[in-house]
Amino acid sequence: MNKQPSDELGVATAGCAIGIGSALFTCFLLYLNGSLVLAVISALQVSGDTWFEDERVAQCALFLVPVVLVVIEWMMIDYVRTRFVRRVR
């Protein structure tokens, strides 16, 4: 069976669409996670917790925790996807 050039173009287009969709979804997750971490930091500062009064600690948490959460979320998505989606062979 010979592959047609249009088949290869369709596969490449689908791969690009999946990559762009994945990047957009990751950006959305980073936005949500950053908002959540910022809200938690603000709530802790208002409650009188002195841990986040140092700007360096707050910035480290604000930049590090959302990325760690995205990695955990993608691991959870992959786990759920492999449990409920069967592979076609």
PDB file of N, CA and C in Angstrom:
ATOM      1  N   MET A   1       0.841  -1.166   0.000  1.00  0.00           N
ATOM      2  CA  MET A   1       0.000   0.000   0.000  1.00  0.00           C
ATOM      3  C   MET A   1       0.893   1.239   0.000  1.00  0.00           C
ATOM      4  N   ASN A   2       0.674   2.104  -0.946  1.00  0.00           N
ATOM      5  CA  ASN A   2       1.487   3.313  -1.079  1.00  0.00           C
ATOM      6  C   ASN A   2       0.852   4.465  -0.315  1.00  0.00           C
ATOM      7  N   LYS A   3       1.706   5.216   0.348  1.00  0.00           N
ATOM      8  CA  LYS A   3       1.213   6.403   1.047  1.00  0.00           C
ATOM      9  C   LYS A   3       1.086   7.549   0.059  1.00  0.00           C
ATOM     10  N   GLN A   4       0.041   8.276   0.202  1.00  0.00           N
ATOM     11  CA  GLN A   4      -0.176   9.460  -0.612  1.00  0.00           C
ATOM     12  C   GLN A   4       0.451  10.664   0.093  1.00  0.00           C
ATOM     13  N   PRO A   5       0.907  11.653  -0.650  1.00  0.00           N
ATOM     14  CA  PRO A   5       1.459  12.857  -0.016  1.00  0.00           C
ATOM     15  C   PRO A   5       0.431  13.556   0.883  1.00  0.00           C
ATOM     16  N   SER A   6      -0.837  13.461   0.521  1.00  0.00           N
ATOM     17  CA  SER A   6      -1.863  14.108   1.342  1.00  0.00           C
ATOM     18  C   SER A   6      -2.010  13.404   2.689  1.00  0.00           C
ATOM     19  N   ASP A   7      -1.744  12.079   2.732  1.00  0.00           N
ATOM     20  CA  ASP A   7      -1.788  11.359   4.002  1.00  0.00           C
ATOM     21  C   ASP A   7      -0.699  11.860   4.945  1.00  0.00           C
ATOM     22  N   GLU A   8       0.507  12.051   4.408  1.00  0.00           N
ATOM     23  CA  GLU A   8       1.605  12.547   5.228  1.00  0.00           C
ATOM     24  C   GLU A   8       1.336  13.966   5.702  1.00  0.00           C
ATOM     25  N   LEU A   9       0.736  14.776   4.867  1.00  0.00           N
ATOM     26  CA  LEU A   9       0.404  16.142   5.251  1.00  0.00           C
ATOM     27  C   LEU A   9      -0.651  16.140   6.353  1.00  0.00           C
ATOM     28  N   GLY A  10      -1.609  15.235   6.265  1.00  0.00           N
ATOM     29  CA  GLY A  10      -2.638  15.139   7.299  1.00  0.00           C
ATOM     30  C   GLY A  10      -2.060  14.698   8.634  1.00  0.00           C
ATOM     31  N   VAL A  11      -1.127  13.760   8.590  1.00  0.00           N
ATOM     32  CA  VAL A  11      -0.486  13.291   9.818  1.00  0.00           C
ATOM     33  C   VAL A  11       0.343  14.420  10.432  1.00  0.00           C
ATOM     34  N   ALA A  12       1.081  15.150   9.612  1.00  0.00           N
ATOM     35  CA  ALA A  12       1.891  16.265  10.110  1.00  0.00           C
ATOM     36  C   ALA A  12       0.997  17.364  10.677  1.00  0.00           C
ATOM     37  N   THR A  13      -0.107  17.647  10.018  1.00  0.00           N
ATOM     38  CA  THR A  13      -1.035  18.673  10.502  1.00  0.00           C
ATOM     39  C   THR A  13      -1.661  18.255  11.820  1.00  0.00           C
ATOM     40  N   ALA A  14      -2.033  16.987  11.928  1.00  0.00           N
ATOM     41  CA  ALA A  14      -2.618  16.499  13.185  1.00  0.00           C
ATOM     42  C   ALA A  14      -1.585  16.561  14.312  1.00  0.00           C
ATOM     43  N   GLY A  15      -0.346  16.214  14.017  1.00  0.00           N
ATOM     44  CA  GLY A  15       0.703  16.286  15.022  1.00  0.00           C
ATOM     45  C   GLY A  15       0.952  17.712  15.488  1.00  0.00           C
ATOM     46  N   CYS A  16       0.956  18.661  14.554  1.00  0.00           N
ATOM     47  CA  CYS A  16       1.127  20.073  14.925  1.00  0.00           C
ATOM     48  C   CYS A  16      -0.055  20.565  15.746  1.00  0.00           C
ATOM     49  N   ALA A  17      -1.257  20.164  15.371  1.00  0.00           N
ATOM     50  CA  ALA A  17      -2.450  20.581  16.117  1.00  0.00           C
ATOM     51  C   ALA A  17      -2.422  20.029  17.539  1.00  0.00           C
ATOM     52  N   ILE A  18      -2.006  18.784  17.692  1.00  0.00           N
ATOM     53  CA  ILE A  18      -1.916  18.191  19.028  1.00  0.00           C
ATOM     54  C   ILE A  18      -0.840  18.907  19.852  1.00  0.00           C
ATOM     55  N   GLY A  19       0.288  19.222  19.242  1.00  0.00           N
ATOM     56  CA  GLY A  19       1.346  19.940  19.947  1.00  0.00           C
ATOM     57  C   GLY A  19       0.923  21.331  20.383  1.00  0.00           C
ATOM     58  N   ILE A  20       0.257  22.050  19.498  1.00  0.00           N
ATOM     59  CA  ILE A  20      -0.223  23.396  19.833  1.00  0.00           C
ATOM     60  C   ILE A  20      -1.296  23.321  20.905  1.00  0.00           C
ATOM     61  N   GLY A  21      -2.197  22.350  20.798  1.00  0.00           N
ATOM     62  CA  GLY A  21      -3.240  22.186  21.815  1.00  0.00           C
ATOM     63  C   GLY A  21      -2.650  21.851  23.169  1.00  0.00           C
ATOM     64  N   SER A  22      -1.648  21.003  23.181  1.00  0.00           N
ATOM     65  CA  SER A  22      -0.983  20.639  24.428  1.00  0.00           C
ATOM     66  C   SER A  22      -0.295  21.845  25.055  1.00  0.00           C
ATOM     67  N   ALA A  23       0.376  22.651  24.239  1.00  0.00           N
ATOM     68  CA  ALA A  23       1.048  23.854  24.751  1.00  0.00           C
ATOM     69  C   ALA A  23       0.031  24.851  25.299  1.00  0.00           C
ATOM     70  N   LEU A  24      -1.079  25.035  24.609  1.00  0.00           N
ATOM     71  CA  LEU A  24      -2.116  25.956  25.086  1.00  0.00           C
ATOM     72  C   LEU A  24      -2.740  25.464  26.385  1.00  0.00           C
ATOM     73  N   PHE A  25      -2.979  24.170  26.485  1.00  0.00           N
ATOM     74  CA  PHE A  25      -3.545  23.607  27.710  1.00  0.00           C
ATOM     75  C   PHE A  25      -2.571  23.758  28.875  1.00  0.00           C
ATOM     76  N   THR A  26      -1.278  23.568  28.611  1.00  0.00           N
ATOM     77  CA  THR A  26      -0.271  23.744  29.650  1.00  0.00           C
ATOM     78  C   THR A  26      -0.206  25.201  30.099  1.00  0.00           C
ATOM     79  N   CYS A  27      -0.315  26.137  29.166  1.00  0.00           N
ATOM     80  CA  CYS A  27      -0.343  27.557  29.537  1.00  0.00           C
ATOM     81  C   CYS A  27      -1.556  27.870  30.398  1.00  0.00           C
ATOM     82  N   PHE A  28      -2.699  27.297  30.057  1.00  0.00           N
ATOM     83  CA  PHE A  28      -3.909  27.500  30.853  1.00  0.00           C
ATOM     84  C   PHE A  28      -3.728  26.947  32.261  1.00  0.00           C
ATOM     85  N   LEU A  29      -3.141  25.756  32.370  1.00  0.00           N
ATOM     86  CA  LEU A  29      -2.887  25.170  33.685  1.00  0.00           C
ATOM     87  C   LEU A  29      -1.905  26.025  34.496  1.00  0.00           C
ATOM     88  N   LEU A  30      -0.870  26.546  33.844  1.00  0.00           N
ATOM     89  CA  LEU A  30       0.079  27.410  34.539  1.00  0.00           C
ATOM     90  C   LEU A  30      -0.598  28.674  35.048  1.00  0.00           C
ATOM     91  N   TYR A  31      -1.508  29.226  34.259  1.00  0.00           N
ATOM     92  CA  TYR A  31      -2.247  30.420  34.668  1.00  0.00           C
ATOM     93  C   TYR A  31      -3.108  30.118  35.896  1.00  0.00           C
ATOM     94  N   LEU A  32      -3.827  29.013  35.855  1.00  0.00           N
ATOM     95  CA  LEU A  32      -4.669  28.645  36.999  1.00  0.00           C
ATOM     96  C   LEU A  32      -3.827  28.353  38.239  1.00  0.00           C
ATOM     97  N   ASN A  33      -2.753  27.601  38.061  1.00  0.00           N
ATOM     98  CA  ASN A  33      -1.893  27.262  39.195  1.00  0.00           C
ATOM     99  C   ASN A  33      -1.226  28.504  39.782  1.00  0.00           C
ATOM    100  N   GLY A  34      -0.774  29.418  38.933  1.00  0.00           N
ATOM    101  CA  GLY A  34      -0.171  30.653  39.417  1.00  0.00           C
ATOM    102  C   GLY A  34      -1.167  31.499  40.192  1.00  0.00           C
ATOM    103  N   SER A  35      -2.399  31.549  39.693  1.00  0.00           N
ATOM    104  CA  SER A  35      -3.444  32.294  40.403  1.00  0.00           C
ATOM    105  C   SER A  35      -3.734  31.667  41.761  1.00  0.00           C
ATOM    106  N   LEU A  36      -3.781  30.338  41.795  1.00  0.00           N
ATOM    107  CA  LEU A  36      -4.028  29.640  43.051  1.00  0.00           C
ATOM    108  C   LEU A  36      -2.902  29.891  44.058  1.00  0.00           C
ATOM    109  N   VAL A  37      -1.666  29.792  43.624  1.00  0.00           N
ATOM    110  CA  VAL A  37      -0.524  29.989  44.516  1.00  0.00           C
ATOM    111  C   VAL A  37      -0.485  31.437  45.004  1.00  0.00           C
ATOM    112  N   LEU A  38      -0.758  32.391  44.125  1.00  0.00           N
ATOM    113  CA  LEU A  38      -0.777  33.789  44.536  1.00  0.00           C
ATOM    114  C   LEU A  38      -1.871  34.048  45.564  1.00  0.00           C
ATOM    115  N   ALA A  39      -3.036  33.441  45.385  1.00  0.00           N
ATOM    116  CA  ALA A  39      -4.125  33.594  46.357  1.00  0.00           C
ATOM    117  C   ALA A  39      -3.748  32.978  47.699  1.00  0.00           C
ATOM    118  N   VAL A  40      -3.095  31.822  47.676  1.00  0.00           N
ATOM    119  CA  VAL A  40      -2.682  31.176  48.930  1.00  0.00           C
ATOM    120  C   VAL A  40      -1.623  32.019  49.634  1.00  0.00           C
ATOM    121  N   ILE A  41      -0.663  32.550  48.882  1.00  0.00           N
ATOM    122  CA  ILE A  41       0.369  33.391  49.485  1.00  0.00           C
ATOM    123  C   ILE A  41      -0.255  34.643  50.098  1.00  0.00           C
ATOM    124  N   SER A  42      -1.174  35.264  49.383  1.00  0.00           N
ATOM    125  CA  SER A  42      -1.845  36.460  49.904  1.00  0.00           C
ATOM    126  C   SER A  42      -2.645  36.140  51.161  1.00  0.00           C
ATOM    127  N   ALA A  43      -3.339  35.018  51.170  1.00  0.00           N
ATOM    128  CA  ALA A  43      -4.126  34.633  52.342  1.00  0.00           C
ATOM    129  C   ALA A  43      -3.218  34.350  53.532  1.00  0.00           C
ATOM    130  N   LEU A  44      -2.073  33.738  53.289  1.00  0.00           N
ATOM    131  CA  LEU A  44      -1.137  33.466  54.378  1.00  0.00           C
ATOM    132  C   LEU A  44      -0.525  34.746  54.926  1.00  0.00           C
ATOM    133  N   GLN A  45      -0.264  35.708  54.051  1.00  0.00           N
ATOM    134  CA  GLN A  45       0.287  36.978  54.519  1.00  0.00           C
ATOM    135  C   GLN A  45      -0.734  37.750  55.344  1.00  0.00           C
ATOM    136  N   VAL A  46      -2.001  37.717  54.941  1.00  0.00           N
ATOM    137  CA  VAL A  46      -3.049  38.417  55.682  1.00  0.00           C
ATOM    138  C   VAL A  46      -3.273  37.772  57.045  1.00  0.00           C
ATOM    139  N   SER A  47      -3.145  36.449  57.103  1.00  0.00           N
ATOM    140  CA  SER A  47      -3.401  35.748  58.362  1.00  0.00           C
ATOM    141  C   SER A  47      -2.285  35.958  59.391  1.00  0.00           C
ATOM    142  N   GLY A  48      -1.214  36.600  58.988  1.00  0.00           N
ATOM    143  CA  GLY A  48      -0.149  36.893  59.936  1.00  0.00           C
ATOM    144  C   GLY A  48       1.009  35.927  59.876  1.00  0.00           C
ATOM    145  N   ASP A  49       1.020  35.037  58.913  1.00  0.00           N
ATOM    146  CA  ASP A  49       2.131  34.096  58.778  1.00  0.00           C
ATOM    147  C   ASP A  49       3.366  34.853  58.292  1.00  0.00           C
ATOM    148  N   THR A  50       4.460  34.714  59.000  1.00  0.00           N
ATOM    149  CA  THR A  50       5.678  35.465  58.657  1.00  0.00           C
ATOM    150  C   THR A  50       6.559  34.740  57.650  1.00  0.00           C
ATOM    151  N   TRP A  51       6.183  33.545  57.264  1.00  0.00           N
ATOM    152  CA  TRP A  51       7.002  32.744  56.355  1.00  0.00           C
ATOM    153  C   TRP A  51       7.155  33.416  54.988  1.00  0.00           C
ATOM    154  N   PHE A  52       6.071  34.028  54.479  1.00  0.00           N
ATOM    155  CA  PHE A  52       6.095  34.620  53.146  1.00  0.00           C
ATOM    156  C   PHE A  52       6.302  36.135  53.172  1.00  0.00           C
ATOM    157  N   GLU A  53       6.725  36.699  54.292  1.00  0.00           N
ATOM    158  CA  GLU A  53       7.020  38.133  54.324  1.00  0.00           C
ATOM    159  C   GLU A  53       8.286  38.449  53.540  1.00  0.00           C
ATOM    160  N   ASP A  54       9.216  37.521  53.511  1.00  0.00           N
ATOM    161  CA  ASP A  54      10.418  37.697  52.697  1.00  0.00           C
ATOM    162  C   ASP A  54      10.029  37.551  51.231  1.00  0.00           C
ATOM    163  N   GLU A  55      10.299  38.582  50.431  1.00  0.00           N
ATOM    164  CA  GLU A  55       9.889  38.571  49.025  1.00  0.00           C
ATOM    165  C   GLU A  55      10.567  37.453  48.239  1.00  0.00           C
ATOM    166  N   ARG A  56      11.774  37.094  48.624  1.00  0.00           N
ATOM    167  CA  ARG A  56      12.488  36.044  47.895  1.00  0.00           C
ATOM    168  C   ARG A  56      11.795  34.701  48.045  1.00  0.00           C
ATOM    169  N   VAL A  57      11.300  34.411  49.233  1.00  0.00           N
ATOM    170  CA  VAL A  57      10.590  33.142  49.465  1.00  0.00           C
ATOM    171  C   VAL A  57       9.277  33.137  48.710  1.00  0.00           C
ATOM    172  N   ALA A  58       8.555  34.263  48.757  1.00  0.00           N
ATOM    173  CA  ALA A  58       7.274  34.351  48.065  1.00  0.00           C
ATOM    174  C   ALA A  58       7.460  34.212  46.555  1.00  0.00           C
ATOM    175  N   GLN A  59       8.483  34.856  45.991  1.00  0.00           N
ATOM    176  CA  GLN A  59       8.728  34.752  44.556  1.00  0.00           C
ATOM    177  C   GLN A  59       9.163  33.348  44.157  1.00  0.00           C
ATOM    178  N   CYS A  60       9.978  32.724  44.983  1.00  0.00           N
ATOM    179  CA  CYS A  60      10.396  31.351  44.701  1.00  0.00           C
ATOM    180  C   CYS A  60       9.187  30.426  44.667  1.00  0.00           C
ATOM    181  N   ALA A  61       8.299  30.578  45.647  1.00  0.00           N
ATOM    182  CA  ALA A  61       7.091  29.755  45.674  1.00  0.00           C
ATOM    183  C   ALA A  61       6.189  30.069  44.486  1.00  0.00           C
ATOM    184  N   LEU A  62       6.086  31.353  44.136  1.00  0.00           N
ATOM    185  CA  LEU A  62       5.208  31.757  43.044  1.00  0.00           C
ATOM    186  C   LEU A  62       5.682  31.239  41.695  1.00  0.00           C
ATOM    187  N   PHE A  63       6.978  31.075  41.523  1.00  0.00           N
ATOM    188  CA  PHE A  63       7.493  30.589  40.250  1.00  0.00           C
ATOM    189  C   PHE A  63       7.730  29.078  40.225  1.00  0.00           C
ATOM    190  N   LEU A  64       7.958  28.472  41.355  1.00  0.00           N
ATOM    191  CA  LEU A  64       8.284  27.052  41.396  1.00  0.00           C
ATOM    192  C   LEU A  64       7.051  26.163  41.550  1.00  0.00           C
ATOM    193  N   VAL A  65       6.150  26.517  42.459  1.00  0.00           N
ATOM    194  CA  VAL A  65       5.004  25.655  42.765  1.00  0.00           C
ATOM    195  C   VAL A  65       4.077  25.450  41.556  1.00  0.00           C
ATOM    196  N   PRO A  66       3.745  26.493  40.753  1.00  0.00           N
ATOM    197  CA  PRO A  66       2.885  26.233  39.587  1.00  0.00           C
ATOM    198  C   PRO A  66       3.479  25.251  38.583  1.00  0.00           C
ATOM    199  N   VAL A  67       4.791  25.302  38.396  1.00  0.00           N
ATOM    200  CA  VAL A  67       5.435  24.373  37.457  1.00  0.00           C
ATOM    201  C   VAL A  67       5.379  22.946  38.005  1.00  0.00           C
ATOM    202  N   VAL A  68       5.624  22.785  39.295  1.00  0.00           N
ATOM    203  CA  VAL A  68       5.528  21.456  39.910  1.00  0.00           C
ATOM    204  C   VAL A  68       4.084  20.937  39.812  1.00  0.00           C
ATOM    205  N   LEU A  69       3.125  21.821  40.027  1.00  0.00           N
ATOM    206  CA  LEU A  69       1.722  21.416  39.914  1.00  0.00           C
ATOM    207  C   LEU A  69       1.363  20.995  38.490  1.00  0.00           C
ATOM    208  N   VAL A  70       1.911  21.677  37.489  1.00  0.00           N
ATOM    209  CA  VAL A  70       1.642  21.291  36.092  1.00  0.00           C
ATOM    210  C   VAL A  70       2.197  19.902  35.810  1.00  0.00           C
ATOM    211  N   VAL A  71       3.383  19.620  36.302  1.00  0.00           N
ATOM    212  CA  VAL A  71       3.966  18.284  36.100  1.00  0.00           C
ATOM    213  C   VAL A  71       3.080  17.228  36.762  1.00  0.00           C
ATOM    214  N   ILE A  72       2.628  17.491  37.976  1.00  0.00           N
ATOM    215  CA  ILE A  72       1.750  16.546  38.677  1.00  0.00           C
ATOM    216  C   ILE A  72       0.428  16.387  37.935  1.00  0.00           C
ATOM    217  N   GLU A  73      -0.123  17.504  37.430  1.00  0.00           N
ATOM    218  CA  GLU A  73      -1.392  17.433  36.692  1.00  0.00           C
ATOM    219  C   GLU A  73      -1.251  16.627  35.412  1.00  0.00           C
ATOM    220  N   TRP A  74      -0.149  16.806  34.688  1.00  0.00           N
ATOM    221  CA  TRP A  74       0.050  16.015  33.473  1.00  0.00           C
ATOM    222  C   TRP A  74       0.230  14.537  33.800  1.00  0.00           C
ATOM    223  N   MET A  75       0.895  14.234  34.918  1.00  0.00           N
ATOM    224  CA  MET A  75       1.032  12.834  35.328  1.00  0.00           C
ATOM    225  C   MET A  75      -0.343  12.243  35.642  1.00  0.00           C
ATOM    226  N   MET A  76      -1.194  13.025  36.298  1.00  0.00           N
ATOM    227  CA  MET A  76      -2.550  12.557  36.600  1.00  0.00           C
ATOM    228  C   MET A  76      -3.367  12.369  35.322  1.00  0.00           C
ATOM    229  N   ILE A  77      -3.233  13.296  34.372  1.00  0.00           N
ATOM    230  CA  ILE A  77      -3.953  13.181  33.100  1.00  0.00           C
ATOM    231  C   ILE A  77      -3.504  11.923  32.364  1.00  0.00           C
ATOM    232  N   ASP A  78      -2.194  11.677  32.315  1.00  0.00           N
ATOM    233  CA  ASP A  78      -1.689  10.471  31.655  1.00  0.00           C
ATOM    234  C   ASP A  78      -2.169   9.203  32.346  1.00  0.00           C
ATOM    235  N   TYR A  79      -2.200   9.216  33.670  1.00  0.00           N
ATOM    236  CA  TYR A  79      -2.670   8.051  34.413  1.00  0.00           C
ATOM    237  C   TYR A  79      -4.132   7.762  34.101  1.00  0.00           C
ATOM    238  N   VAL A  80      -4.967   8.788  34.139  1.00  0.00           N
ATOM    239  CA  VAL A  80      -6.395   8.598  33.849  1.00  0.00           C
ATOM    240  C   VAL A  80      -6.595   8.175  32.397  1.00  0.00           C
ATOM    241  N   ARG A  81      -5.829   8.783  31.487  1.00  0.00           N
ATOM    242  CA  ARG A  81      -5.966   8.445  30.067  1.00  0.00           C
ATOM    243  C   ARG A  81      -5.598   6.986  29.803  1.00  0.00           C
ATOM    244  N   THR A  82      -4.553   6.493  30.461  1.00  0.00           N
ATOM    245  CA  THR A  82      -4.159   5.104  30.232  1.00  0.00           C
ATOM    246  C   THR A  82      -5.118   4.121  30.895  1.00  0.00           C
ATOM    247  N   ARG A  83      -5.855   4.555  31.889  1.00  0.00           N
ATOM    248  CA  ARG A  83      -6.812   3.663  32.556  1.00  0.00           C
ATOM    249  C   ARG A  83      -8.128   3.538  31.795  1.00  0.00           C
ATOM    250  N   PHE A  84      -8.532   4.602  31.099  1.00  0.00           N
ATOM    251  CA  PHE A  84      -9.848   4.599  30.467  1.00  0.00           C
ATOM    252  C   PHE A  84      -9.826   4.523  28.945  1.00  0.00           C
ATOM    253  N   VAL A  85      -8.675   4.704  28.327  1.00  0.00           N
ATOM    254  CA  VAL A  85      -8.577   4.660  26.872  1.00  0.00           C
ATOM    255  C   VAL A  85      -7.794   3.412  26.495  1.00  0.00           C
ATOM    256  N   ARG A  86      -8.389   2.598  25.648  1.00  0.00           N
ATOM    257  CA  ARG A  86      -7.710   1.376  25.203  1.00  0.00           C
ATOM    258  C   ARG A  86      -6.894   1.662  23.953  1.00  0.00           C
ATOM    259  N   ARG A  87      -5.760   1.000  23.862  1.00  0.00           N
ATOM    260  CA  ARG A  87      -4.913   1.138  22.688  1.00  0.00           C
ATOM    261  C   ARG A  87      -5.459   0.298  21.556  1.00  0.00           C
ATOM    262  N   VAL A  88      -5.365   0.861  20.349  1.00  0.00           N
ATOM    263  CA  VAL A  88      -5.776   0.121  19.160  1.00  0.00           C
ATOM    264  C   VAL A  88      -4.529  -0.449  18.527  1.00  0.00           C
ATOM    265  N   ARG A  89      -4.529  -1.751  18.299  1.00  0.00           N
ATOM    266  CA  ARG A  89      -3.350  -2.395  17.713  1.00  0.00           C
ATOM    267  C   ARG A  89      -3.622  -2.849  16.320  1.00  0.00           C
TER     268      ARG A  89
END
